[in-house]
Amino acid sequence: MKPTLIRNKMIYQATAVVKSRQLCSHLSKDLWKKYGKRSIRVIEGDTIRVLRGEFRGVAGKITKVSIQKNGVSVEGVKKEKLKGGNLDVFIHPSNLIVTDLNNEDKWRQNKLEGKKTPVKESKPKETTNTEQKEAKKPNKESIPKETKESKPTKNEKKGEEK
């Protein structure tokens, strides 16, 4: 497959799930050591620092995550329009580093710390009627095998009937 086709599928023709997965950013060194993970998907409320681009060095909280625009909006990062007013600038998460996490989501916190999500305990398995019947049936090994002499063959049966 040509690289241009692969690139187009990953950028322009990607599904929402794939695009959502692409919104990951690196963790700072202290968070990296704490959680043992290098990157995480960014969400609203995370504190970040911009590493590249026009707004390099700016730190702030993420105000909006846009899957369609493939970027995040940071508070304090805006452009002025010619007619007046401000416009949010969306920055790609690969140009950011996460310095502090939004820990409101317990599922995300458990995932970071490597804990398993709590699972409801299941009831002990009860045996069904079919399983009880099978348990009562004797094994084939316990039944004595009959010899060929005791069983009449087909030819013998036909001879008896005539």
Protein backbone atom coordinates (compact mmCIF):
# COMPACT_ATOMS: atom_id res chain seq x y z
CA MET A 1 0.00 0.00 0.00
CA LYS A 2 1.28 3.46 -0.84
CA PRO A 3 2.24 5.71 2.06
CA THR A 4 -0.14 8.40 0.79
CA LEU A 5 -3.08 5.99 1.04
CA ILE A 6 -2.11 4.96 4.57
CA ARG A 7 -1.68 8.61 5.58
CA ASN A 8 -5.06 9.56 4.11
CA LYS A 9 -6.78 6.74 5.99
CA MET A 10 -5.16 7.79 9.27
CA ILE A 11 -5.85 11.52 8.90
CA TYR A 12 -8.74 12.31 6.58
CA GLN A 13 -10.76 9.10 6.37
CA ALA A 14 -10.28 7.86 9.95
CA THR A 15 -13.28 6.83 12.03
CA ALA A 16 -14.21 8.73 15.19
CA VAL A 17 -12.75 5.96 17.36
CA VAL A 18 -9.38 6.10 15.61
CA LYS A 19 -9.31 9.90 15.73
CA SER A 20 -10.15 9.82 19.44
CA ARG A 21 -7.23 7.46 20.04
CA GLN A 22 -4.91 9.91 18.29
CA LEU A 23 -5.57 12.60 20.92
CA CYS A 24 -2.83 11.35 23.25
CA SER A 25 -0.08 13.44 24.76
CA HIS A 26 3.13 12.67 26.65
CA LEU A 27 3.23 12.86 30.43
CA SER A 28 5.81 14.96 32.25
CA LYS A 29 8.78 13.11 33.74
CA ASP A 30 7.43 13.10 37.31
CA LEU A 31 4.02 11.75 36.18
CA TRP A 32 5.79 9.25 33.92
CA LYS A 33 7.76 7.89 36.89
CA LYS A 34 4.70 7.92 39.17
CA TYR A 35 2.35 6.01 36.86
CA GLY A 36 4.82 4.09 34.69
CA LYS A 37 3.08 5.26 31.52
CA ARG A 38 4.56 7.48 28.87
CA SER A 39 1.41 8.97 27.33
CA ILE A 40 -2.28 9.35 28.02
CA ARG A 41 -5.38 10.57 26.21
CA VAL A 42 -5.99 14.18 27.16
CA ILE A 43 -9.33 15.31 28.59
CA GLU A 44 -10.80 18.62 29.72
CA GLY A 45 -9.26 19.80 32.98
CA ASP A 46 -5.75 18.44 32.42
CA THR A 47 -2.98 21.01 32.92
CA ILE A 48 -0.54 21.12 30.01
CA ARG A 49 2.46 23.01 28.67
CA VAL A 50 2.89 23.80 24.96
CA LEU A 51 6.23 22.57 23.60
CA ARG A 52 6.08 23.61 19.94
CA GLY A 53 4.49 26.19 17.72
CA GLU A 54 3.46 29.81 18.02
CA PHE A 55 2.37 29.43 21.67
CA ARG A 56 5.50 27.63 22.87
CA GLY A 57 6.01 27.80 26.65
CA VAL A 58 2.38 28.63 27.47
CA ALA A 59 0.89 26.60 30.32
CA GLY A 60 -2.79 26.24 31.08
CA LYS A 61 -5.78 23.96 31.45
CA ILE A 62 -7.50 22.24 28.56
CA THR A 63 -10.90 23.82 27.98
CA LYS A 64 -12.10 21.80 24.99
CA VAL A 65 -11.08 18.62 23.15
CA SER A 66 -12.16 18.47 19.51
CA ILE A 67 -12.03 15.17 17.63
CA GLN A 68 -13.08 16.85 14.37
CA LYS A 69 -10.33 19.47 14.53
CA ASN A 70 -7.88 16.90 15.92
CA GLY A 71 -6.67 19.19 18.68
CA VAL A 72 -7.28 20.77 22.07
CA SER A 73 -8.14 24.28 23.14
CA VAL A 74 -6.10 25.71 26.03
CA GLU A 75 -7.20 28.58 28.23
CA GLY A 76 -5.09 31.65 27.50
CA VAL A 77 -4.34 30.56 23.91
CA LYS A 78 -6.51 32.67 21.61
CA LYS A 79 -6.18 34.65 18.39
CA GLU A 80 -7.84 37.97 17.72
CA LYS A 81 -10.07 38.35 14.69
CA LEU A 82 -9.77 41.36 12.39
CA LYS A 83 -13.35 42.40 13.13
CA GLY A 84 -12.81 42.02 16.86
CA GLY A 85 -13.37 39.13 19.22
CA ASN A 86 -11.26 36.15 20.09
CA LEU A 87 -10.96 32.76 18.46
CA ASP A 88 -9.89 29.50 20.14
CA VAL A 89 -6.73 27.98 18.71
CA PHE A 90 -6.65 24.19 18.56
CA ILE A 91 -3.24 22.65 19.21
CA HIS A 92 -2.36 19.06 18.33
CA PRO A 93 -1.74 16.97 21.48
CA SER A 94 1.64 15.75 20.18
CA ASN A 95 2.89 19.32 20.70
CA LEU A 96 1.87 19.30 24.38
CA ILE A 97 3.11 17.75 27.60
CA VAL A 98 0.72 16.94 30.46
CA THR A 99 1.96 18.41 33.74
CA ASP A 100 -1.08 17.68 35.93
CA LEU A 101 -4.00 15.29 35.51
CA ASN A 102 -7.72 15.75 36.02
CA ASN A 103 -8.49 13.01 38.57
CA GLU A 104 -12.29 13.34 38.68
CA ASP A 105 -12.78 10.21 36.59
CA LYS A 106 -12.25 7.14 38.81
CA TRP A 107 -12.04 4.77 35.80
CA ARG A 108 -9.16 6.81 34.36
CA GLN A 109 -7.42 6.91 37.73
CA ASN A 110 -7.67 3.12 38.13
CA LYS A 111 -6.42 2.61 34.58
CA LEU A 112 -3.39 4.83 35.29
CA GLU A 113 -2.52 3.09 38.54
CA GLY A 114 -2.91 -0.33 36.94
CA LYS A 115 -5.78 -1.39 39.17
CA LYS A 116 -8.45 -3.66 37.80
CA THR A 117 -11.96 -2.27 37.67
CA PRO A 118 -14.18 -3.77 40.38
CA VAL A 119 -16.20 -6.69 39.06
CA LYS A 120 -19.43 -7.88 40.66
CA GLU A 121 -18.96 -11.23 42.34
CA SER A 122 -20.84 -14.01 40.62
CA LYS A 123 -22.97 -16.56 42.45
CA PRO A 124 -21.60 -20.09 42.82
CA LYS A 125 -22.47 -22.24 39.85
CA GLU A 126 -25.42 -24.52 40.45
CA THR A 127 -25.66 -27.84 38.69
CA THR A 128 -28.47 -28.21 36.19
CA ASN A 129 -30.77 -31.19 35.77
CA THR A 130 -28.84 -32.51 32.75
CA GLU A 131 -25.56 -32.38 34.66
CA GLN A 132 -27.16 -34.31 37.56
CA LYS A 133 -28.47 -36.99 35.20
CA GLU A 134 -25.04 -37.37 33.57
CA ALA A 135 -23.46 -37.74 36.98
CA LYS A 136 -25.86 -40.61 37.84
CA LYS A 137 -25.15 -42.49 34.59
CA PRO A 138 -22.55 -45.23 34.97
CA ASN A 139 -19.31 -45.01 33.06
CA LYS A 140 -18.79 -47.16 29.97
CA GLU A 141 -15.81 -48.72 31.66
CA SER A 142 -17.89 -50.03 34.57
CA ILE A 143 -20.29 -51.91 32.25
CA PRO A 144 -18.94 -55.38 31.36
CA LYS A 145 -18.41 -55.89 27.66
CA GLU A 146 -20.51 -58.61 26.06
CA THR A 147 -18.82 -61.11 23.84
CA LYS A 148 -19.68 -61.56 20.18
CA GLU A 149 -20.98 -65.07 20.87
CA SER A 150 -23.82 -63.84 23.07
CA LYS A 151 -25.09 -61.39 20.44
CA PRO A 152 -26.78 -62.92 17.39
CA THR A 153 -25.52 -61.63 14.05
CA LYS A 154 -27.78 -60.34 11.27
CA ASN A 155 -27.50 -63.57 9.31
CA GLU A 156 -28.52 -65.63 12.33
CA LYS A 157 -31.56 -63.37 12.93
CA LYS A 158 -32.68 -63.77 9.32
CA GLY A 159 -32.27 -67.58 9.55
CA GLU A 160 -34.40 -67.74 12.71
CA GLU A 161 -37.23 -65.76 11.14
CA LYS A 162 -37.48 -68.03 8.04
